[in-house]
PDB file of all heavy atoms in Angstrom:
ATOM      1  N   ARG A   1       0.833  -1.206   0.000  1.00  0.00           N
ATOM      2  CA  ARG A   1       0.000   0.000   0.000  1.00  0.00           C
ATOM      3  C   ARG A   1       0.867   1.255   0.000  1.00  0.00           C
ATOM      4  O   ARG A   1       0.610   2.194  -0.740  1.00  0.00           O
ATOM      5  CB  ARG A   1      -0.945  -0.009   1.215  1.00  0.00           C
ATOM      6  CG  ARG A   1      -1.842   1.188   1.294  1.00  0.00           C
ATOM      7  CD  ARG A   1      -2.889   1.158   0.186  1.00  0.00           C
ATOM      8  NE  ARG A   1      -3.704   2.362   0.250  1.00  0.00           N
ATOM      9  CZ  ARG A   1      -4.145   3.001  -0.814  1.00  0.00           C
ATOM     10  NH1 ARG A   1      -3.885   2.552  -2.015  1.00  0.00           N
ATOM     11  NH2 ARG A   1      -4.871   4.076  -0.682  1.00  0.00           N
ATOM     12  N   LEU A   2       1.901   1.257   0.839  1.00  0.00           N
ATOM     13  CA  LEU A   2       2.800   2.405   0.882  1.00  0.00           C
ATOM     14  C   LEU A   2       3.502   2.578  -0.463  1.00  0.00           C
ATOM     15  O   LEU A   2       3.607   3.687  -0.976  1.00  0.00           O
ATOM     16  CB  LEU A   2       3.822   2.248   2.015  1.00  0.00           C
ATOM     17  CG  LEU A   2       4.851   3.369   2.161  1.00  0.00           C
ATOM     18  CD1 LEU A   2       4.192   4.727   2.299  1.00  0.00           C
ATOM     19  CD2 LEU A   2       5.761   3.074   3.347  1.00  0.00           C
ATOM     20  N   GLY A   3       3.961   1.466  -1.043  1.00  0.00           N
ATOM     21  CA  GLY A   3       4.602   1.536  -2.358  1.00  0.00           C
ATOM     22  C   GLY A   3       3.692   2.132  -3.408  1.00  0.00           C
ATOM     23  O   GLY A   3       4.108   2.961  -4.226  1.00  0.00           O
ATOM     24  N   SER A   4       2.421   1.757  -3.374  1.00  0.00           N
ATOM     25  CA  SER A   4       1.446   2.278  -4.328  1.00  0.00           C
ATOM     26  C   SER A   4       1.225   3.781  -4.121  1.00  0.00           C
ATOM     27  O   SER A   4       1.174   4.547  -5.089  1.00  0.00           O
ATOM     28  CB  SER A   4       0.121   1.529  -4.162  1.00  0.00           C
ATOM     29  OG  SER A   4      -0.880   2.082  -4.977  1.00  0.00           O
ATOM     30  N   LEU A   5       1.124   4.198  -2.862  1.00  0.00           N
ATOM     31  CA  LEU A   5       0.929   5.620  -2.570  1.00  0.00           C
ATOM     32  C   LEU A   5       2.135   6.457  -2.989  1.00  0.00           C
ATOM     33  O   LEU A   5       1.980   7.588  -3.454  1.00  0.00           O
ATOM     34  CB  LEU A   5       0.626   5.818  -1.081  1.00  0.00           C
ATOM     35  CG  LEU A   5      -0.723   5.279  -0.611  1.00  0.00           C
ATOM     36  CD1 LEU A   5      -0.786   5.250   0.908  1.00  0.00           C
ATOM     37  CD2 LEU A   5      -1.863   6.099  -1.194  1.00  0.00           C
ATOM     38  N   ILE A   6       3.332   5.892  -2.834  1.00  0.00           N
ATOM     39  CA  ILE A   6       4.542   6.589  -3.285  1.00  0.00           C
ATOM     40  C   ILE A   6       4.494   6.762  -4.804  1.00  0.00           C
ATOM     41  O   ILE A   6       4.754   7.846  -5.320  1.00  0.00           O
ATOM     42  CB  ILE A   6       5.815   5.834  -2.851  1.00  0.00           C
ATOM     43  CG1 ILE A   6       5.973   5.897  -1.322  1.00  0.00           C
ATOM     44  CG2 ILE A   6       7.048   6.405  -3.549  1.00  0.00           C
ATOM     45  CD1 ILE A   6       7.028   4.952  -0.765  1.00  0.00           C
ATOM     46  N   SER A   7       4.135   5.694  -5.513  1.00  0.00           N
ATOM     47  CA  SER A   7       4.049   5.743  -6.976  1.00  0.00           C
ATOM     48  C   SER A   7       3.036   6.776  -7.457  1.00  0.00           C
ATOM     49  O   SER A   7       3.220   7.408  -8.488  1.00  0.00           O
ATOM     50  CB  SER A   7       3.667   4.374  -7.537  1.00  0.00           C
ATOM     51  OG  SER A   7       4.673   3.444  -7.270  1.00  0.00           O
ATOM     52  N   GLN A   8       1.968   6.932  -6.686  1.00  0.00           N
ATOM     53  CA  GLN A   8       0.918   7.886  -7.034  1.00  0.00           C
ATOM     54  C   GLN A   8       1.229   9.303  -6.546  1.00  0.00           C
ATOM     55  O   GLN A   8       0.406  10.204  -6.693  1.00  0.00           O
ATOM     56  CB  GLN A   8      -0.412   7.427  -6.428  1.00  0.00           C
ATOM     57  CG  GLN A   8      -0.912   6.120  -6.977  1.00  0.00           C
ATOM     58  CD  GLN A   8      -2.074   5.577  -6.152  1.00  0.00           C
ATOM     59  OE1 GLN A   8      -2.827   6.321  -5.537  1.00  0.00           O
ATOM     60  NE2 GLN A   8      -2.222   4.263  -6.149  1.00  0.00           N
ATOM     61  N   ARG A   9       2.402   9.472  -5.950  1.00  0.00           N
ATOM     62  CA  ARG A   9       2.873  10.761  -5.432  1.00  0.00           C
ATOM     63  C   ARG A   9       1.910  11.357  -4.398  1.00  0.00           C
ATOM     64  O   ARG A   9       1.676  12.564  -4.354  1.00  0.00           O
ATOM     65  CB  ARG A   9       3.153  11.749  -6.564  1.00  0.00           C
ATOM     66  CG  ARG A   9       4.247  11.236  -7.497  1.00  0.00           C
ATOM     67  CD  ARG A   9       4.900  12.239  -8.374  1.00  0.00           C
ATOM     68  NE  ARG A   9       5.354  13.461  -7.775  1.00  0.00           N
ATOM     69  CZ  ARG A   9       6.544  13.653  -7.179  1.00  0.00           C
ATOM     70  NH1 ARG A   9       7.382  12.651  -7.066  1.00  0.00           N
ATOM     71  NH2 ARG A   9       6.870  14.841  -6.703  1.00  0.00           N
ATOM     72  N   GLN A  10       1.376  10.477  -3.539  1.00  0.00           N
ATOM     73  CA  GLN A  10       0.481  10.917  -2.480  1.00  0.00           C
ATOM     74  C   GLN A  10       1.192  11.025  -1.127  1.00  0.00           C
ATOM     75  O   GLN A  10       0.600  11.518  -0.177  1.00  0.00           O
ATOM     76  CB  GLN A  10      -0.703   9.958  -2.350  1.00  0.00           C
ATOM     77  CG  GLN A  10      -1.670  10.052  -3.505  1.00  0.00           C
ATOM     78  CD  GLN A  10      -2.866   9.174  -3.292  1.00  0.00           C
ATOM     79  OE1 GLN A  10      -2.862   8.002  -3.659  1.00  0.00           O
ATOM     80  NE2 GLN A  10      -3.881   9.728  -2.683  1.00  0.00           N
ATOM     81  N   ILE A  11       2.428  10.579  -1.062  1.00  0.00           N
ATOM     82  CA  ILE A  11       3.180  10.621   0.188  1.00  0.00           C
ATOM     83  C   ILE A  11       3.998  11.905   0.254  1.00  0.00           C
ATOM     84  O   ILE A  11       4.687  12.260  -0.704  1.00  0.00           O
ATOM     85  CB  ILE A  11       4.121   9.397   0.312  1.00  0.00           C
ATOM     86  CG1 ILE A  11       3.312   8.091   0.312  1.00  0.00           C
ATOM     87  CG2 ILE A  11       4.999   9.502   1.552  1.00  0.00           C
ATOM     88  CD1 ILE A  11       2.327   7.962   1.461  1.00  0.00           C
ATOM     89  N   VAL A  12       3.905  12.587   1.384  1.00  0.00           N
ATOM     90  CA  VAL A  12       4.765  13.738   1.657  1.00  0.00           C
ATOM     91  C   VAL A  12       5.622  13.385   2.860  1.00  0.00           C
ATOM     92  O   VAL A  12       5.166  12.723   3.784  1.00  0.00           O
ATOM     93  CB  VAL A  12       3.959  15.043   1.896  1.00  0.00           C
ATOM     94  CG1 VAL A  12       3.344  15.525   0.600  1.00  0.00           C
ATOM     95  CG2 VAL A  12       2.902  14.871   2.960  1.00  0.00           C
ATOM     96  N   GLN A  13       6.861  13.808   2.819  1.00  0.00           N
ATOM     97  CA  GLN A  13       7.826  13.428   3.845  1.00  0.00           C
ATOM     98  C   GLN A  13       8.205  14.617   4.708  1.00  0.00           C
ATOM     99  O   GLN A  13       8.621  15.656   4.203  1.00  0.00           O
ATOM    100  CB  GLN A  13       9.081  12.839   3.176  1.00  0.00           C
ATOM    101  CG  GLN A  13      10.112  12.322   4.112  1.00  0.00           C
ATOM    102  CD  GLN A  13       9.661  11.093   4.894  1.00  0.00           C
ATOM    103  OE1 GLN A  13       8.618  10.538   4.642  1.00  0.00           O
ATOM    104  NE2 GLN A  13      10.461  10.687   5.847  1.00  0.00           N
ATOM    105  N   HIS A  14       8.037  14.451   5.999  1.00  0.00           N
ATOM    106  CA  HIS A  14       8.430  15.494   6.950  1.00  0.00           C
ATOM    107  C   HIS A  14       9.904  15.286   7.293  1.00  0.00           C
ATOM    108  O   HIS A  14      10.329  14.157   7.557  1.00  0.00           O
ATOM    109  CB  HIS A  14       7.571  15.408   8.212  1.00  0.00           C
ATOM    110  CG  HIS A  14       7.672  16.609   9.087  1.00  0.00           C
ATOM    111  ND1 HIS A  14       8.784  16.867   9.855  1.00  0.00           N
ATOM    112  CD2 HIS A  14       6.801  17.618   9.309  1.00  0.00           C
ATOM    113  CE1 HIS A  14       8.590  17.986  10.524  1.00  0.00           C
ATOM    114  NE2 HIS A  14       7.397  18.468  10.209  1.00  0.00           N
ATOM    115  N   PRO A  15      10.721  16.338   7.275  1.00  0.00           N
ATOM    116  CA  PRO A  15      12.154  16.169   7.534  1.00  0.00           C
ATOM    117  C   PRO A  15      12.468  15.625   8.929  1.00  0.00           C
ATOM    118  O   PRO A  15      13.503  14.991   9.120  1.00  0.00           O
ATOM    119  CB  PRO A  15      12.733  17.575   7.340  1.00  0.00           C
ATOM    120  CG  PRO A  15      11.572  18.496   7.433  1.00  0.00           C
ATOM    121  CD  PRO A  15      10.366  17.726   6.993  1.00  0.00           C
ATOM    122  N   TYR A  16      11.585  15.822   9.901  1.00  0.00           N
ATOM    123  CA  TYR A  16      11.839  15.270  11.235  1.00  0.00           C
ATOM    124  C   TYR A  16      11.705  13.746  11.232  1.00  0.00           C
ATOM    125  O   TYR A  16      12.400  13.057  11.967  1.00  0.00           O
ATOM    126  CB  TYR A  16      10.903  15.874  12.270  1.00  0.00           C
ATOM    127  CG  TYR A  16      11.132  17.333  12.560  1.00  0.00           C
ATOM    128  CD1 TYR A  16      12.072  18.099  11.864  1.00  0.00           C
ATOM    129  CD2 TYR A  16      10.386  17.980  13.523  1.00  0.00           C
ATOM    130  CE1 TYR A  16      12.260  19.437  12.135  1.00  0.00           C
ATOM    131  CE2 TYR A  16      10.570  19.327  13.801  1.00  0.00           C
ATOM    132  CZ  TYR A  16      11.505  20.043  13.100  1.00  0.00           C
ATOM    133  OH  TYR A  16      11.687  21.377  13.367  1.00  0.00           O
ATOM    134  N   VAL A  17      10.813  13.220  10.402  1.00  0.00           N
ATOM    135  CA  VAL A  17      10.688  11.762  10.265  1.00  0.00           C
ATOM    136  C   VAL A  17      11.939  11.218   9.587  1.00  0.00           C
ATOM    137  O   VAL A  17      12.509  10.215  10.028  1.00  0.00           O
ATOM    138  CB  VAL A  17       9.412  11.376   9.482  1.00  0.00           C
ATOM    139  CG1 VAL A  17       9.397   9.883   9.167  1.00  0.00           C
ATOM    140  CG2 VAL A  17       8.168  11.770  10.273  1.00  0.00           C
ATOM    141  N   THR A  18      12.386  11.899   8.548  1.00  0.00           N
ATOM    142  CA  THR A  18      13.634  11.486   7.895  1.00  0.00           C
ATOM    143  C   THR A  18      14.760  11.479   8.915  1.00  0.00           C
ATOM    144  O   THR A  18      15.544  10.538   8.986  1.00  0.00           O
ATOM    145  CB  THR A  18      13.980  12.425   6.718  1.00  0.00           C
ATOM    146  OG1 THR A  18      12.904  12.415   5.789  1.00  0.00           O
ATOM    147  CG2 THR A  18      15.258  11.986   6.018  1.00  0.00           C
ATOM    148  N   GLY A  19      14.823  12.503   9.744  1.00  0.00           N
ATOM    149  CA  GLY A  19      15.848  12.593  10.783  1.00  0.00           C
ATOM    150  C   GLY A  19      15.766  11.443  11.758  1.00  0.00           C
ATOM    151  O   GLY A  19      16.791  10.851  12.127  1.00  0.00           O
ATOM    152  N   GLU A  20      14.559  11.096  12.198  1.00  0.00           N
ATOM    153  CA  GLU A  20      14.411   9.963  13.122  1.00  0.00           C
ATOM    154  C   GLU A  20      14.896   8.659  12.493  1.00  0.00           C
ATOM    155  O   GLU A  20      15.516   7.843  13.155  1.00  0.00           O
ATOM    156  CB  GLU A  20      12.950   9.808  13.556  1.00  0.00           C
ATOM    157  CG  GLU A  20      12.492  10.837  14.551  1.00  0.00           C
ATOM    158  CD  GLU A  20      11.089  10.564  15.073  1.00  0.00           C
ATOM    159  OE1 GLU A  20      10.214  10.111  14.303  1.00  0.00           O
ATOM    160  OE2 GLU A  20      10.876  10.815  16.266  1.00  0.00           O
ATOM    161  N   ILE A  21      14.619   8.501  11.223  1.00  0.00           N
ATOM    162  CA  ILE A  21      15.009   7.267  10.537  1.00  0.00           C
ATOM    163  C   ILE A  21      16.522   7.190  10.369  1.00  0.00           C
ATOM    164  O   ILE A  21      17.130   6.156  10.648  1.00  0.00           O
ATOM    165  CB  ILE A  21      14.291   7.153   9.175  1.00  0.00           C
ATOM    166  CG1 ILE A  21      12.790   6.930   9.422  1.00  0.00           C
ATOM    167  CG2 ILE A  21      14.885   6.025   8.336  1.00  0.00           C
ATOM    168  CD1 ILE A  21      11.932   7.111   8.201  1.00  0.00           C
ATOM    169  N   ILE A  22      17.140   8.270   9.947  1.00  0.00           N
ATOM    170  CA  ILE A  22      18.563   8.186   9.626  1.00  0.00           C
ATOM    171  C   ILE A  22      19.471   8.153  10.846  1.00  0.00           C
ATOM    172  O   ILE A  22      20.637   7.798  10.718  1.00  0.00           O
ATOM    173  CB  ILE A  22      19.009   9.286   8.631  1.00  0.00           C
ATOM    174  CG1 ILE A  22      18.888  10.681   9.217  1.00  0.00           C
ATOM    175  CG2 ILE A  22      18.226   9.158   7.337  1.00  0.00           C
ATOM    176  CD1 ILE A  22      19.432  11.778   8.324  1.00  0.00           C
ATOM    177  N   VAL A  23      18.947   8.504  12.026  1.00  0.00           N
ATOM    178  CA  VAL A  23      19.783   8.350  13.218  1.00  0.00           C
ATOM    179  C   VAL A  23      19.763   6.917  13.728  1.00  0.00           C
ATOM    180  O   VAL A  23      20.545   6.549  14.602  1.00  0.00           O
ATOM    181  CB  VAL A  23      19.409   9.329  14.366  1.00  0.00           C
ATOM    182  CG1 VAL A  23      19.577  10.760  13.931  1.00  0.00           C
ATOM    183  CG2 VAL A  23      18.022   9.069  14.907  1.00  0.00           C
ATOM    184  N   GLY A  24      18.888   6.100  13.161  1.00  0.00           N
ATOM    185  CA  GLY A  24      18.832   4.682  13.519  1.00  0.00           C
ATOM    186  C   GLY A  24      19.669   3.851  12.567  1.00  0.00           C
ATOM    187  O   GLY A  24      20.409   4.373  11.733  1.00  0.00           O
ATOM    188  N   ASN A  25      19.547   2.556  12.704  1.00  0.00           N
ATOM    189  CA  ASN A  25      20.250   1.618  11.819  1.00  0.00           C
ATOM    190  C   ASN A  25      19.335   1.259  10.665  1.00  0.00           C
ATOM    191  O   ASN A  25      18.340   0.563  10.851  1.00  0.00           O
ATOM    192  CB  ASN A  25      20.648   0.347  12.571  1.00  0.00           C
ATOM    193  CG  ASN A  25      21.748   0.596  13.565  1.00  0.00           C
ATOM    194  OD1 ASN A  25      22.647   1.380  13.309  1.00  0.00           O
ATOM    195  ND2 ASN A  25      21.667  -0.053  14.708  1.00  0.00           N
ATOM    196  N   VAL A  26      19.644   1.770   9.494  1.00  0.00           N
ATOM    197  CA  VAL A  26      18.854   1.450   8.310  1.00  0.00           C
ATOM    198  C   VAL A  26      19.745   0.784   7.282  1.00  0.00           C
ATOM    199  O   VAL A  26      20.912   1.136   7.132  1.00  0.00           O
ATOM    200  CB  VAL A  26      18.190   2.710   7.689  1.00  0.00           C
ATOM    201  CG1 VAL A  26      17.152   3.279   8.621  1.00  0.00           C
ATOM    202  CG2 VAL A  26      19.201   3.756   7.321  1.00  0.00           C
ATOM    203  N   GLY A  27      19.177  -0.185   6.598  1.00  0.00           N
ATOM    204  CA  GLY A  27      19.915  -0.849   5.533  1.00  0.00           C
ATOM    205  C   GLY A  27      20.038   0.069   4.334  1.00  0.00           C
ATOM    206  O   GLY A  27      19.232   0.985   4.159  1.00  0.00           O
ATOM    207  N   SER A  28      21.038  -0.162   3.531  1.00  0.00           N
ATOM    208  CA  SER A  28      21.278   0.666   2.335  1.00  0.00           C
ATOM    209  C   SER A  28      21.149   2.141   2.688  1.00  0.00           C
ATOM    210  O   SER A  28      20.383   2.894   2.090  1.00  0.00           O
ATOM    211  CB  SER A  28      20.291   0.312   1.218  1.00  0.00           C
ATOM    212  OG  SER A  28      20.334  -1.043   0.907  1.00  0.00           O
ATOM    213  N   ARG A  29      21.913   2.534   3.673  1.00  0.00           N
ATOM    214  CA  ARG A  29      21.811   3.861   4.279  1.00  0.00           C
ATOM    215  C   ARG A  29      21.729   5.011   3.258  1.00  0.00           C
ATOM    216  O   ARG A  29      20.818   5.825   3.301  1.00  0.00           O
ATOM    217  CB  ARG A  29      22.997   4.056   5.217  1.00  0.00           C
ATOM    218  CG  ARG A  29      22.943   5.330   5.993  1.00  0.00           C
ATOM    219  CD  ARG A  29      24.022   5.352   7.079  1.00  0.00           C
ATOM    220  NE  ARG A  29      23.853   6.523   7.864  1.00  0.00           N
ATOM    221  CZ  ARG A  29      22.889   6.707   8.752  1.00  0.00           C
ATOM    222  NH1 ARG A  29      22.025   5.749   8.967  1.00  0.00           N
ATOM    223  NH2 ARG A  29      22.777   7.829   9.420  1.00  0.00           N
ATOM    224  N   GLU A  30      22.683   5.071   2.341  1.00  0.00           N
ATOM    225  CA  GLU A  30      22.691   6.171   1.369  1.00  0.00           C
ATOM    226  C   GLU A  30      21.460   6.148   0.475  1.00  0.00           C
ATOM    227  O   GLU A  30      20.870   7.189   0.200  1.00  0.00           O
ATOM    228  CB  GLU A  30      23.967   6.145   0.539  1.00  0.00           C
ATOM    229  CG  GLU A  30      25.188   6.561   1.332  1.00  0.00           C
ATOM    230  CD  GLU A  30      26.449   6.574   0.480  1.00  0.00           C
ATOM    231  OE1 GLU A  30      26.341   6.789  -0.744  1.00  0.00           O
ATOM    232  OE2 GLU A  30      27.534   6.379   1.052  1.00  0.00           O
ATOM    233  N   ASN A  31      21.066   4.965   0.021  1.00  0.00           N
ATOM    234  CA  ASN A  31      19.884   4.845  -0.837  1.00  0.00           C
ATOM    235  C   ASN A  31      18.609   5.225  -0.086  1.00  0.00           C
ATOM    236  O   ASN A  31      17.718   5.868  -0.649  1.00  0.00           O
ATOM    237  CB  ASN A  31      19.749   3.426  -1.389  1.00  0.00           C
ATOM    238  CG  ASN A  31      20.808   3.118  -2.418  1.00  0.00           C
ATOM    239  OD1 ASN A  31      21.388   4.008  -3.031  1.00  0.00           O
ATOM    240  ND2 ASN A  31      21.090   1.836  -2.600  1.00  0.00           N
ATOM    241  N   THR A  32      18.531   4.810   1.167  1.00  0.00           N
ATOM    242  CA  THR A  32      17.352   5.126   1.974  1.00  0.00           C
ATOM    243  C   THR A  32      17.230   6.631   2.172  1.00  0.00           C
ATOM    244  O   THR A  32      16.155   7.208   1.984  1.00  0.00           O
ATOM    245  CB  THR A  32      17.417   4.411   3.340  1.00  0.00           C
ATOM    246  OG1 THR A  32      17.472   2.998   3.115  1.00  0.00           O
ATOM    247  CG2 THR A  32      16.218   4.750   4.200  1.00  0.00           C
ATOM    248  N   ILE A  33      18.315   7.266   2.546  1.00  0.00           N
ATOM    249  CA  ILE A  33      18.302   8.724   2.742  1.00  0.00           C
ATOM    250  C   ILE A  33      17.928   9.427   1.445  1.00  0.00           C
ATOM    251  O   ILE A  33      17.085  10.329   1.425  1.00  0.00           O
ATOM    252  CB  ILE A  33      19.665   9.219   3.268  1.00  0.00           C
ATOM    253  CG1 ILE A  33      19.908   8.679   4.678  1.00  0.00           C
ATOM    254  CG2 ILE A  33      19.743  10.743   3.244  1.00  0.00           C
ATOM    255  CD1 ILE A  33      21.329   8.862   5.175  1.00  0.00           C
ATOM    256  N   TRP A  34      18.525   9.007   0.352  1.00  0.00           N
ATOM    257  CA  TRP A  34      18.234   9.619  -0.948  1.00  0.00           C
ATOM    258  C   TRP A  34      16.752   9.451  -1.288  1.00  0.00           C
ATOM    259  O   TRP A  34      16.092  10.413  -1.715  1.00  0.00           O
ATOM    260  CB  TRP A  34      19.103   8.990  -2.040  1.00  0.00           C
ATOM    261  CG  TRP A  34      18.801   9.566  -3.381  1.00  0.00           C
ATOM    262  CD1 TRP A  34      19.325  10.686  -3.935  1.00  0.00           C
ATOM    263  CD2 TRP A  34      17.852   9.056  -4.336  1.00  0.00           C
ATOM    264  NE1 TRP A  34      18.764  10.917  -5.175  1.00  0.00           N
ATOM    265  CE2 TRP A  34      17.859   9.921  -5.442  1.00  0.00           C
ATOM    266  CE3 TRP A  34      17.012   7.952  -4.357  1.00  0.00           C
ATOM    267  CZ2 TRP A  34      17.056   9.709  -6.559  1.00  0.00           C
ATOM    268  CZ3 TRP A  34      16.204   7.757  -5.477  1.00  0.00           C
ATOM    269  CH2 TRP A  34      16.237   8.629  -6.554  1.00  0.00           C
ATOM    270  N   ALA A  35      16.207   8.246  -1.103  1.00  0.00           N
ATOM    271  CA  ALA A  35      14.810   7.970  -1.453  1.00  0.00           C
ATOM    272  C   ALA A  35      13.852   8.809  -0.604  1.00  0.00           C
ATOM    273  O   ALA A  35      12.871   9.359  -1.122  1.00  0.00           O
ATOM    274  CB  ALA A  35      14.508   6.487  -1.291  1.00  0.00           C
ATOM    275  N   LEU A  36      14.124   8.914   0.682  1.00  0.00           N
ATOM    276  CA  LEU A  36      13.259   9.708   1.554  1.00  0.00           C
ATOM    277  C   LEU A  36      13.314  11.194   1.205  1.00  0.00           C
ATOM    278  O   LEU A  36      12.297  11.882   1.184  1.00  0.00           O
ATOM    279  CB  LEU A  36      13.633   9.499   3.023  1.00  0.00           C
ATOM    280  CG  LEU A  36      13.331   8.119   3.597  1.00  0.00           C
ATOM    281  CD1 LEU A  36      13.925   7.980   4.992  1.00  0.00           C
ATOM    282  CD2 LEU A  36      11.835   7.839   3.602  1.00  0.00           C
ATOM    283  N   ARG A  37      14.511  11.671   0.915  1.00  0.00           N
ATOM    284  CA  ARG A  37      14.662  13.093   0.590  1.00  0.00           C
ATOM    285  C   ARG A  37      14.117  13.432  -0.797  1.00  0.00           C
ATOM    286  O   ARG A  37      13.858  14.593  -1.089  1.00  0.00           O
ATOM    287  CB  ARG A  37      16.121  13.499   0.724  1.00  0.00           C
ATOM    288  CG  ARG A  37      16.570  13.433   2.200  1.00  0.00           C
ATOM    289  CD  ARG A  37      17.950  13.927   2.421  1.00  0.00           C
ATOM    290  NE  ARG A  37      17.910  15.392   2.301  1.00  0.00           N
ATOM    291  CZ  ARG A  37      18.971  16.131   2.038  1.00  0.00           C
ATOM    292  NH1 ARG A  37      20.154  15.567   1.884  1.00  0.00           N
ATOM    293  NH2 ARG A  37      18.872  17.435   1.954  1.00  0.00           N
ATOM    294  N   ALA A  38      13.918  12.417  -1.637  1.00  0.00           N
ATOM    295  CA  ALA A  38      13.378  12.642  -2.980  1.00  0.00           C
ATOM    296  C   ALA A  38      11.855  12.787  -2.966  1.00  0.00           C
ATOM    297  O   ALA A  38      11.270  13.270  -3.941  1.00  0.00           O
ATOM    298  CB  ALA A  38      13.784  11.494  -3.909  1.00  0.00           C
ATOM    299  N   LEU A  39      11.221  12.392  -1.873  1.00  0.00           N
ATOM    300  CA  LEU A  39       9.766  12.500  -1.780  1.00  0.00           C
ATOM    301  C   LEU A  39       9.357  13.969  -1.634  1.00  0.00           C
ATOM    302  O   LEU A  39      10.125  14.779  -1.112  1.00  0.00           O
ATOM    303  CB  LEU A  39       9.260  11.717  -0.561  1.00  0.00           C
ATOM    304  CG  LEU A  39       9.388  10.208  -0.633  1.00  0.00           C
ATOM    305  CD1 LEU A  39       9.122   9.583   0.735  1.00  0.00           C
ATOM    306  CD2 LEU A  39       8.443   9.640  -1.680  1.00  0.00           C
ATOM    307  N   PRO A  40       8.148  14.299  -2.066  1.00  0.00           N
ATOM    308  CA  PRO A  40       7.661  15.663  -1.822  1.00  0.00           C
ATOM    309  C   PRO A  40       7.724  15.967  -0.321  1.00  0.00           C
ATOM    310  O   PRO A  40       7.493  15.092   0.503  1.00  0.00           O
ATOM    311  CB  PRO A  40       6.215  15.635  -2.320  1.00  0.00           C
ATOM    312  CG  PRO A  40       6.188  14.508  -3.306  1.00  0.00           C
ATOM    313  CD  PRO A  40       7.167  13.491  -2.785  1.00  0.00           C
ATOM    314  N   ARG A  41       8.027  17.194  -0.008  1.00  0.00           N
ATOM    315  CA  ARG A  41       8.295  17.573   1.381  1.00  0.00           C
ATOM    316  C   ARG A  41       7.073  18.198   2.052  1.00  0.00           C
ATOM    317  O   ARG A  41       6.368  19.011   1.451  1.00  0.00           O
ATOM    318  CB  ARG A  41       9.453  18.557   1.383  1.00  0.00           C
ATOM    319  CG  ARG A  41       9.864  19.055   2.740  1.00  0.00           C
ATOM    320  CD  ARG A  41      11.003  20.032   2.584  1.00  0.00           C
ATOM    321  NE  ARG A  41      11.159  20.834   3.768  1.00  0.00           N
ATOM    322  CZ  ARG A  41      12.249  20.805   4.540  1.00  0.00           C
ATOM    323  NH1 ARG A  41      13.259  20.040   4.213  1.00  0.00           N
ATOM    324  NH2 ARG A  41      12.321  21.564   5.603  1.00  0.00           N
ATOM    325  N   LEU A  42       6.884  17.823   3.307  1.00  0.00           N
ATOM    326  CA  LEU A  42       5.917  18.480   4.173  1.00  0.00           C
ATOM    327  C   LEU A  42       6.728  19.424   5.048  1.00  0.00           C
ATOM    328  O   LEU A  42       7.554  18.986   5.844  1.00  0.00           O
ATOM    329  CB  LEU A  42       5.181  17.457   5.041  1.00  0.00           C
ATOM    330  CG  LEU A  42       4.099  18.004   5.947  1.00  0.00           C
ATOM    331  CD1 LEU A  42       2.879  18.420   5.118  1.00  0.00           C
ATOM    332  CD2 LEU A  42       3.688  16.959   6.968  1.00  0.00           C
ATOM    333  N   ASP A  43       6.541  20.710   4.850  1.00  0.00           N
ATOM    334  CA  ASP A  43       7.368  21.685   5.561  1.00  0.00           C
ATOM    335  C   ASP A  43       7.039  21.728   7.049  1.00  0.00           C
ATOM    336  O   ASP A  43       5.867  21.728   7.432  1.00  0.00           O
ATOM    337  CB  ASP A  43       7.176  23.074   4.965  1.00  0.00           C
ATOM    338  CG  ASP A  43       7.746  23.168   3.567  1.00  0.00           C
ATOM    339  OD1 ASP A  43       8.809  22.558   3.318  1.00  0.00           O
ATOM    340  OD2 ASP A  43       7.128  23.838   2.724  1.00  0.00           O
TER     341      ASP A  43
END
């Protein structure tokens, strides 16, 4: 469902959520950060 919403450009990403994610242990760190930052932003 999340993948579908991303494809439909319905997901907006808040930078604080990105921050919470990247301070943790995420796989494919650079790709994950890039993908999250590429989403439309919620200011």
